């Protein structure tokens, strides 16, 4: 057997055993991500966000958290911020810089909300997982995001 076929055989055997180990022998990495848990006003929000993980919130919960001065992070690209943003929200296309801003404002363990354009936008969830990788532990993803906020007639802010 020539060297290329032998290498391919070893690779296929390794992939086979890795797959078996991941999906059968352990509770391995799923092929499809689990949906985010939703946190609502019916629960004690402060207690429910103590356990580190990424959760999803609705419009009513987002407004309540905004009233409580919880930090909001806008996951939209900077050109969309010209249309406005949720008051006092922070944004930065550079994740390292955004991470530093969040850390300076609230630290790694305090809960904050990430939002993007609407329900179909995946930027907020993607940013949440990225920031979780940086060490942030309590991240809330606002389902509906900017569209739900503006459709409800809630206040918005513009860059000066």
N, C-alpha and C. Protein backbone atom coordinates (compact mmCIF):
# COMPACT_ATOMS: atom_id res chain seq x y z
N UNK A 1 0.86 -1.18 0.00
CA UNK A 1 0.00 0.00 0.00
C UNK A 1 0.90 1.23 0.00
N UNK A 2 0.60 2.16 -0.90
CA UNK A 2 1.46 3.35 -0.96
C UNK A 2 1.15 4.29 0.21
N UNK A 3 2.03 5.22 0.39
CA UNK A 3 2.00 6.12 1.55
C UNK A 3 0.71 6.97 1.60
N UNK A 4 0.21 7.46 0.45
CA UNK A 4 -1.00 8.29 0.43
C UNK A 4 -2.23 7.50 0.86
N UNK A 5 -2.36 6.28 0.39
CA UNK A 5 -3.50 5.45 0.77
C UNK A 5 -3.43 5.10 2.25
N UNK A 6 -2.23 4.84 2.74
CA UNK A 6 -2.05 4.51 4.14
C UNK A 6 -2.42 5.71 5.03
N UNK A 7 -2.01 6.89 4.64
CA UNK A 7 -2.35 8.12 5.39
C UNK A 7 -3.85 8.34 5.39
N UNK A 8 -4.50 8.16 4.25
CA UNK A 8 -5.94 8.32 4.15
C UNK A 8 -6.66 7.30 5.03
N UNK A 9 -6.20 6.07 5.04
CA UNK A 9 -6.78 5.03 5.88
C UNK A 9 -6.67 5.41 7.36
N UNK A 10 -5.50 5.86 7.80
CA UNK A 10 -5.32 6.29 9.19
C UNK A 10 -6.24 7.45 9.54
N UNK A 11 -6.37 8.39 8.64
CA UNK A 11 -7.23 9.55 8.86
C UNK A 11 -8.69 9.12 9.00
N UNK A 12 -9.17 8.25 8.12
CA UNK A 12 -10.55 7.78 8.18
C UNK A 12 -10.82 7.00 9.47
N UNK A 13 -9.89 6.17 9.87
CA UNK A 13 -10.05 5.41 11.11
C UNK A 13 -10.09 6.37 12.30
N UNK A 14 -9.24 7.37 12.32
CA UNK A 14 -9.21 8.35 13.41
C UNK A 14 -10.53 9.12 13.48
N UNK A 15 -11.05 9.56 12.34
CA UNK A 15 -12.32 10.29 12.30
C UNK A 15 -13.45 9.39 12.78
N UNK A 16 -13.45 8.14 12.36
CA UNK A 16 -14.48 7.20 12.78
C UNK A 16 -14.49 7.04 14.30
N UNK A 17 -13.32 6.76 14.88
CA UNK A 17 -13.26 6.56 16.32
C UNK A 17 -13.55 7.86 17.09
N UNK A 18 -13.14 8.99 16.58
CA UNK A 18 -13.44 10.26 17.24
C UNK A 18 -14.94 10.52 17.24
N UNK A 19 -15.61 10.22 16.14
CA UNK A 19 -17.05 10.40 16.05
C UNK A 19 -17.77 9.47 17.02
N UNK A 20 -17.37 8.22 17.04
CA UNK A 20 -17.96 7.26 17.97
C UNK A 20 -17.78 7.74 19.41
N UNK A 21 -16.58 8.14 19.75
CA UNK A 21 -16.30 8.61 21.10
C UNK A 21 -17.13 9.84 21.45
N UNK A 22 -17.21 10.79 20.53
CA UNK A 22 -17.92 12.04 20.78
C UNK A 22 -19.42 11.85 20.96
N UNK A 23 -20.04 11.06 20.11
CA UNK A 23 -21.50 10.97 20.12
C UNK A 23 -22.06 9.79 20.91
N UNK A 24 -21.31 8.74 21.09
CA UNK A 24 -21.86 7.57 21.75
C UNK A 24 -21.32 7.41 23.17
N UNK A 25 -20.03 7.50 23.33
CA UNK A 25 -19.43 7.22 24.63
C UNK A 25 -19.49 8.40 25.59
N UNK A 26 -19.62 9.62 25.09
CA UNK A 26 -19.70 10.80 25.96
C UNK A 26 -20.89 11.64 25.54
N UNK A 27 -21.17 12.64 26.31
CA UNK A 27 -22.18 13.62 25.93
C UNK A 27 -21.46 14.69 25.14
N UNK A 28 -21.05 14.38 23.94
CA UNK A 28 -20.14 15.20 23.16
C UNK A 28 -20.73 16.45 22.56
N UNK A 29 -20.01 17.01 21.65
CA UNK A 29 -20.37 18.25 20.98
C UNK A 29 -21.52 17.96 20.02
N UNK A 30 -22.66 18.65 20.16
CA UNK A 30 -23.79 18.40 19.27
C UNK A 30 -23.53 18.96 17.87
N UNK A 31 -24.16 18.34 16.88
CA UNK A 31 -24.03 18.84 15.51
C UNK A 31 -24.79 20.14 15.32
N UNK A 32 -25.89 20.30 16.06
CA UNK A 32 -26.71 21.50 15.97
C UNK A 32 -26.77 22.11 17.37
N UNK A 33 -26.55 23.43 17.44
CA UNK A 33 -26.54 24.11 18.74
C UNK A 33 -27.92 24.05 19.39
N UNK A 34 -27.93 23.94 20.72
CA UNK A 34 -29.18 23.97 21.47
C UNK A 34 -29.72 25.40 21.47
N UNK A 35 -31.04 25.56 21.44
CA UNK A 35 -31.60 26.92 21.54
C UNK A 35 -31.28 27.53 22.90
N UNK A 36 -31.17 28.86 22.92
CA UNK A 36 -30.90 29.55 24.17
C UNK A 36 -32.10 29.47 25.10
N UNK A 37 -31.84 29.38 26.40
CA UNK A 37 -32.90 29.41 27.41
C UNK A 37 -33.44 30.84 27.46
N UNK A 38 -34.77 30.98 27.59
CA UNK A 38 -35.39 32.29 27.65
C UNK A 38 -35.65 32.67 29.10
N UNK A 39 -35.30 33.90 29.46
CA UNK A 39 -35.56 34.43 30.79
C UNK A 39 -36.67 35.46 30.64
N UNK A 40 -37.70 35.36 31.50
CA UNK A 40 -38.83 36.29 31.41
C UNK A 40 -39.02 37.03 32.72
N UNK A 41 -39.92 38.01 32.70
CA UNK A 41 -40.19 38.81 33.89
C UNK A 41 -40.86 38.01 34.99
N UNK A 42 -41.49 36.90 34.66
CA UNK A 42 -42.15 36.08 35.66
C UNK A 42 -41.18 35.53 36.69
N UNK A 43 -39.91 35.48 36.33
CA UNK A 43 -38.89 34.97 37.23
C UNK A 43 -38.19 36.16 37.89
N UNK A 44 -37.51 35.89 38.98
CA UNK A 44 -36.69 36.93 39.60
C UNK A 44 -35.44 37.08 38.73
N UNK A 45 -35.39 38.13 37.94
CA UNK A 45 -34.33 38.32 36.96
C UNK A 45 -32.96 38.32 37.61
N UNK A 46 -32.81 39.01 38.72
CA UNK A 46 -31.50 39.10 39.37
C UNK A 46 -31.00 37.72 39.79
N UNK A 47 -31.88 36.87 40.31
CA UNK A 47 -31.46 35.53 40.72
C UNK A 47 -31.20 34.64 39.52
N UNK A 48 -32.01 34.77 38.48
CA UNK A 48 -31.88 33.87 37.35
C UNK A 48 -30.64 34.14 36.51
N UNK A 49 -30.03 35.31 36.65
CA UNK A 49 -28.84 35.58 35.84
C UNK A 49 -27.55 35.40 36.63
N UNK A 50 -27.66 34.82 37.81
CA UNK A 50 -26.45 34.58 38.60
C UNK A 50 -25.64 33.40 38.07
N UNK A 51 -26.32 32.40 37.52
CA UNK A 51 -25.60 31.24 36.99
C UNK A 51 -25.01 31.59 35.63
N UNK A 52 -23.71 31.40 35.45
CA UNK A 52 -23.07 31.80 34.20
C UNK A 52 -23.54 30.99 33.00
N UNK A 53 -24.09 31.67 32.03
CA UNK A 53 -24.45 31.09 30.75
C UNK A 53 -25.07 32.15 29.85
N UNK A 54 -25.32 31.78 28.61
CA UNK A 54 -25.96 32.69 27.66
C UNK A 54 -27.45 32.36 27.65
N UNK A 55 -28.26 33.40 27.83
CA UNK A 55 -29.72 33.22 27.83
C UNK A 55 -30.35 34.22 26.86
N UNK A 56 -31.59 33.96 26.53
CA UNK A 56 -32.34 34.81 25.63
C UNK A 56 -33.41 35.56 26.42
N UNK A 57 -33.67 36.83 26.07
CA UNK A 57 -34.72 37.60 26.74
C UNK A 57 -35.66 38.21 25.70
N UNK A 58 -36.86 38.55 26.15
CA UNK A 58 -37.83 39.18 25.26
C UNK A 58 -37.83 40.70 25.45
N UNK A 59 -38.69 41.37 24.71
CA UNK A 59 -38.76 42.83 24.72
C UNK A 59 -39.08 43.38 26.11
N UNK A 60 -40.07 42.81 26.78
CA UNK A 60 -40.48 43.30 28.09
C UNK A 60 -39.33 43.18 29.10
N UNK A 61 -38.64 42.06 29.07
CA UNK A 61 -37.51 41.85 29.98
C UNK A 61 -36.38 42.81 29.64
N UNK A 62 -36.14 43.02 28.34
CA UNK A 62 -35.09 43.95 27.92
C UNK A 62 -35.38 45.36 28.45
N UNK A 63 -36.61 45.80 28.35
CA UNK A 63 -36.97 47.14 28.82
C UNK A 63 -36.78 47.23 30.34
N UNK A 64 -37.19 46.20 31.05
CA UNK A 64 -37.03 46.19 32.52
C UNK A 64 -35.55 46.25 32.89
N UNK A 65 -34.71 45.48 32.20
CA UNK A 65 -33.27 45.50 32.48
C UNK A 65 -32.66 46.86 32.12
N UNK A 66 -33.14 47.47 31.03
CA UNK A 66 -32.64 48.79 30.65
C UNK A 66 -32.98 49.81 31.72
N UNK A 67 -34.19 49.72 32.27
CA UNK A 67 -34.59 50.61 33.36
C UNK A 67 -33.71 50.42 34.60
N UNK A 68 -33.20 49.19 34.77
CA UNK A 68 -32.34 48.88 35.91
C UNK A 68 -30.87 49.20 35.61
N UNK A 69 -30.62 49.87 34.49
CA UNK A 69 -29.28 50.31 34.10
C UNK A 69 -28.31 49.17 33.77
N UNK A 70 -28.86 48.03 33.31
CA UNK A 70 -28.01 46.93 32.84
C UNK A 70 -27.39 47.37 31.52
N UNK A 71 -26.12 47.03 31.32
CA UNK A 71 -25.41 47.41 30.11
C UNK A 71 -25.98 46.70 28.89
N UNK A 72 -26.18 47.45 27.79
CA UNK A 72 -26.60 46.89 26.51
C UNK A 72 -25.44 47.02 25.54
N UNK A 73 -25.25 45.97 24.73
CA UNK A 73 -24.19 45.94 23.73
C UNK A 73 -24.85 45.75 22.37
N UNK A 74 -24.57 46.66 21.45
CA UNK A 74 -25.12 46.60 20.10
C UNK A 74 -24.18 45.79 19.22
N UNK A 75 -24.68 44.68 18.69
CA UNK A 75 -23.85 43.78 17.87
C UNK A 75 -23.91 44.13 16.38
N UNK A 76 -24.67 45.16 16.03
CA UNK A 76 -24.76 45.55 14.62
C UNK A 76 -23.46 46.21 14.16
N UNK A 77 -23.21 46.15 12.86
CA UNK A 77 -22.04 46.82 12.30
C UNK A 77 -22.19 48.33 12.49
N UNK A 78 -21.05 49.01 12.58
CA UNK A 78 -21.06 50.45 12.91
C UNK A 78 -21.89 51.30 11.95
N UNK A 79 -21.98 50.92 10.68
CA UNK A 79 -22.76 51.74 9.75
C UNK A 79 -24.25 51.75 10.10
N UNK A 80 -24.74 50.72 10.80
CA UNK A 80 -26.14 50.68 11.21
C UNK A 80 -26.42 51.57 12.41
N UNK A 81 -25.39 51.95 13.12
CA UNK A 81 -25.58 52.78 14.31
C UNK A 81 -26.02 54.19 13.95
N UNK A 82 -25.87 54.59 12.69
CA UNK A 82 -26.34 55.90 12.24
C UNK A 82 -27.86 56.00 12.38
N UNK A 83 -28.56 54.84 12.33
CA UNK A 83 -30.01 54.82 12.48
C UNK A 83 -30.43 54.98 13.93
N UNK A 84 -29.45 54.94 14.83
CA UNK A 84 -29.71 55.05 16.26
C UNK A 84 -29.39 53.76 16.97
N UNK A 85 -29.47 53.80 18.29
CA UNK A 85 -29.20 52.62 19.10
C UNK A 85 -29.93 52.77 20.43
N UNK A 86 -30.00 51.71 21.18
CA UNK A 86 -30.63 51.76 22.49
C UNK A 86 -29.79 52.67 23.38
N UNK A 87 -30.43 53.59 24.10
CA UNK A 87 -29.67 54.56 24.91
C UNK A 87 -28.62 53.90 25.82
N UNK A 88 -27.44 54.49 25.78
CA UNK A 88 -26.28 54.08 26.58
C UNK A 88 -25.68 52.74 26.18
N UNK A 89 -26.12 52.18 25.05
CA UNK A 89 -25.53 50.92 24.59
C UNK A 89 -24.11 51.19 24.08
N UNK A 90 -23.25 50.20 24.20
CA UNK A 90 -21.90 50.29 23.67
C UNK A 90 -21.80 49.43 22.43
N UNK A 91 -20.90 49.81 21.54
CA UNK A 91 -20.71 49.06 20.30
C UNK A 91 -19.30 49.27 19.81
N UNK A 92 -18.77 48.25 19.15
CA UNK A 92 -17.47 48.35 18.51
C UNK A 92 -17.31 47.14 17.61
N UNK A 93 -16.96 47.36 16.36
CA UNK A 93 -16.78 46.24 15.42
C UNK A 93 -15.59 45.37 15.79
N UNK A 94 -14.63 45.93 16.53
CA UNK A 94 -13.44 45.19 16.94
C UNK A 94 -13.74 44.49 18.28
N UNK A 95 -13.80 43.17 18.27
CA UNK A 95 -14.20 42.42 19.46
C UNK A 95 -13.24 42.61 20.62
N UNK A 96 -11.94 42.69 20.36
CA UNK A 96 -10.98 42.92 21.45
C UNK A 96 -11.26 44.24 22.15
N UNK A 97 -11.50 45.28 21.38
CA UNK A 97 -11.79 46.60 21.96
C UNK A 97 -13.13 46.57 22.71
N UNK A 98 -14.12 45.91 22.13
CA UNK A 98 -15.43 45.80 22.78
C UNK A 98 -15.31 45.04 24.10
N UNK A 99 -14.55 43.98 24.09
CA UNK A 99 -14.32 43.20 25.31
C UNK A 99 -13.70 44.07 26.40
N UNK A 100 -12.73 44.88 26.03
CA UNK A 100 -12.07 45.76 26.99
C UNK A 100 -13.06 46.81 27.53
N UNK A 101 -13.90 47.36 26.66
CA UNK A 101 -14.90 48.35 27.10
C UNK A 101 -15.85 47.72 28.12
N UNK A 102 -16.36 46.53 27.81
CA UNK A 102 -17.30 45.87 28.72
C UNK A 102 -16.62 45.58 30.06
N UNK A 103 -15.40 45.06 29.99
CA UNK A 103 -14.66 44.75 31.23
C UNK A 103 -14.47 46.00 32.08
N UNK A 104 -14.10 47.13 31.45
CA UNK A 104 -13.89 48.36 32.19
C UNK A 104 -15.19 48.89 32.81
N UNK A 105 -16.31 48.69 32.10
CA UNK A 105 -17.60 49.21 32.59
C UNK A 105 -18.21 48.35 33.69
N UNK A 106 -18.20 47.02 33.50
CA UNK A 106 -18.93 46.16 34.44
C UNK A 106 -18.16 44.92 34.90
N UNK A 107 -17.02 44.62 34.32
CA UNK A 107 -16.29 43.42 34.69
C UNK A 107 -16.77 42.19 33.93
N UNK A 108 -16.22 41.04 34.28
CA UNK A 108 -16.51 39.81 33.56
C UNK A 108 -17.73 39.06 34.08
N UNK A 109 -18.15 39.31 35.32
CA UNK A 109 -19.21 38.51 35.92
C UNK A 109 -20.58 39.16 35.95
N UNK A 110 -20.67 40.45 35.67
CA UNK A 110 -21.94 41.16 35.70
C UNK A 110 -22.71 40.89 34.40
N UNK A 111 -24.00 40.67 34.53
CA UNK A 111 -24.84 40.39 33.37
C UNK A 111 -24.96 41.61 32.46
N UNK A 112 -25.03 41.37 31.16
CA UNK A 112 -25.29 42.42 30.18
C UNK A 112 -26.09 41.85 29.03
N UNK A 113 -26.67 42.74 28.22
CA UNK A 113 -27.57 42.35 27.14
C UNK A 113 -26.92 42.66 25.80
N UNK A 114 -26.99 41.72 24.88
CA UNK A 114 -26.51 41.94 23.51
C UNK A 114 -27.71 41.90 22.59
N UNK A 115 -27.75 42.83 21.64
CA UNK A 115 -28.84 42.82 20.65
C UNK A 115 -28.28 43.12 19.27
N UNK A 116 -29.05 42.74 18.25
CA UNK A 116 -28.71 43.12 16.88
C UNK A 116 -29.99 43.60 16.18
N UNK A 117 -30.08 43.47 14.89
CA UNK A 117 -31.16 44.09 14.12
C UNK A 117 -32.55 43.56 14.42
N UNK A 118 -32.74 42.23 14.40
CA UNK A 118 -34.06 41.65 14.56
C UNK A 118 -33.95 40.16 14.88
N UNK A 119 -35.07 39.45 14.84
CA UNK A 119 -35.08 38.02 15.14
C UNK A 119 -34.21 37.20 14.19
N UNK A 120 -34.11 37.64 12.94
CA UNK A 120 -33.35 36.88 11.94
C UNK A 120 -31.85 37.13 11.99
N UNK A 121 -31.44 38.13 12.74
CA UNK A 121 -30.03 38.48 12.83
C UNK A 121 -29.33 37.55 13.81
N UNK A 122 -28.25 36.93 13.39
CA UNK A 122 -27.51 36.04 14.26
C UNK A 122 -26.29 36.68 14.90
N UNK A 123 -26.08 37.97 14.63
CA UNK A 123 -24.88 38.65 15.13
C UNK A 123 -24.82 38.69 16.65
N UNK A 124 -25.98 38.87 17.30
CA UNK A 124 -25.97 38.97 18.76
C UNK A 124 -25.58 37.64 19.40
N UNK A 125 -26.12 36.56 18.88
CA UNK A 125 -25.78 35.25 19.44
C UNK A 125 -24.32 34.90 19.15
N UNK A 126 -23.87 35.21 17.95
CA UNK A 126 -22.46 34.96 17.59
C UNK A 126 -21.52 35.76 18.49
N UNK A 127 -21.84 37.03 18.71
CA UNK A 127 -21.03 37.87 19.59
C UNK A 127 -21.08 37.36 21.02
N UNK A 128 -22.24 36.88 21.46
CA UNK A 128 -22.36 36.34 22.82
C UNK A 128 -21.41 35.17 23.02
N UNK A 129 -21.37 34.25 22.07
CA UNK A 129 -20.46 33.10 22.20
C UNK A 129 -19.00 33.53 22.13
N UNK A 130 -18.71 34.52 21.30
CA UNK A 130 -17.33 35.03 21.22
C UNK A 130 -16.92 35.65 22.54
N UNK A 131 -17.79 36.49 23.11
CA UNK A 131 -17.47 37.15 24.38
C UNK A 131 -17.42 36.15 25.53
N UNK A 132 -18.22 35.10 25.46
CA UNK A 132 -18.13 34.05 26.46
C UNK A 132 -16.75 33.40 26.42
N UNK A 133 -16.22 33.26 25.21
CA UNK A 133 -14.86 32.73 25.05
C UNK A 133 -13.81 33.66 25.64
N UNK A 134 -14.10 34.94 25.72
CA UNK A 134 -13.19 35.91 26.34
C UNK A 134 -13.26 35.85 27.87
N UNK A 135 -14.29 35.18 28.40
CA UNK A 135 -14.40 35.04 29.85
C UNK A 135 -15.62 35.69 30.47
N UNK A 136 -16.47 36.32 29.67
CA UNK A 136 -17.70 36.91 30.20
C UNK A 136 -18.67 35.77 30.50
N UNK A 137 -19.36 35.87 31.65
CA UNK A 137 -20.11 34.70 32.09
C UNK A 137 -21.62 34.85 32.11
N UNK A 138 -22.16 36.04 32.14
CA UNK A 138 -23.61 36.22 32.20
C UNK A 138 -24.07 37.11 31.06
N UNK A 139 -24.44 36.48 29.97
CA UNK A 139 -24.79 37.21 28.75
C UNK A 139 -26.23 36.92 28.39
N UNK A 140 -26.98 38.00 28.14
CA UNK A 140 -28.38 37.89 27.75
C UNK A 140 -28.52 38.37 26.31
N UNK A 141 -29.16 37.57 25.47
CA UNK A 141 -29.37 37.94 24.06
C UNK A 141 -30.81 38.40 23.93
N UNK A 142 -30.99 39.64 23.48
CA UNK A 142 -32.30 40.25 23.33
C UNK A 142 -32.92 39.81 22.01
N UNK A 143 -33.91 38.91 22.11
CA UNK A 143 -34.62 38.42 20.94
C UNK A 143 -35.49 39.54 20.39
N UNK A 144 -35.38 39.81 19.12
CA UNK A 144 -36.12 40.89 18.49
C UNK A 144 -35.27 42.12 18.28
N UNK A 145 -34.35 42.38 19.19
CA UNK A 145 -33.35 43.41 19.05
C UNK A 145 -33.86 44.79 18.70
N UNK A 146 -33.09 45.46 17.83
CA UNK A 146 -33.36 46.84 17.45
C UNK A 146 -34.76 47.03 16.88
N UNK A 147 -35.20 46.13 16.04
CA UNK A 147 -36.52 46.25 15.41
C UNK A 147 -37.63 46.20 16.46
N UNK A 148 -37.57 45.24 17.37
CA UNK A 148 -38.59 45.13 18.41
C UNK A 148 -38.59 46.38 19.29
N UNK A 149 -37.40 46.88 19.61
CA UNK A 149 -37.26 48.07 20.47
C UNK A 149 -37.90 49.28 19.80
N UNK A 150 -37.57 49.52 18.53
CA UNK A 150 -38.11 50.70 17.84
C UNK A 150 -39.59 50.54 17.52
N UNK A 151 -40.03 49.32 17.16
CA UNK A 151 -41.45 49.09 16.89
C UNK A 151 -42.30 49.35 18.13
N UNK A 152 -41.73 49.12 19.31
CA UNK A 152 -42.45 49.36 20.56
C UNK A 152 -42.45 50.84 20.94
N UNK A 153 -41.68 51.65 20.21
CA UNK A 153 -41.64 53.09 20.47
C UNK A 153 -40.77 53.47 21.67
N UNK A 154 -39.88 52.57 22.07
CA UNK A 154 -38.98 52.85 23.18
C UNK A 154 -37.94 53.88 22.77
N UNK A 155 -37.34 54.57 23.72
CA UNK A 155 -36.38 55.63 23.39
C UNK A 155 -35.15 55.11 22.64
N UNK A 156 -34.64 55.97 21.77
CA UNK A 156 -33.40 55.65 21.05
C UNK A 156 -32.44 56.82 21.18
N UNK A 157 -31.19 56.54 20.88
CA UNK A 157 -30.13 57.55 21.00
C UNK A 157 -29.37 57.57 19.68
N UNK A 158 -28.85 58.75 19.33
CA UNK A 158 -28.05 58.91 18.12
C UNK A 158 -26.66 59.40 18.48
N UNK A 159 -25.67 59.02 17.68
CA UNK A 159 -24.32 59.57 17.87
C UNK A 159 -24.35 61.02 17.45
N UNK A 160 -23.61 61.82 18.19
CA UNK A 160 -23.56 63.26 17.87
C UNK A 160 -22.39 63.59 16.99
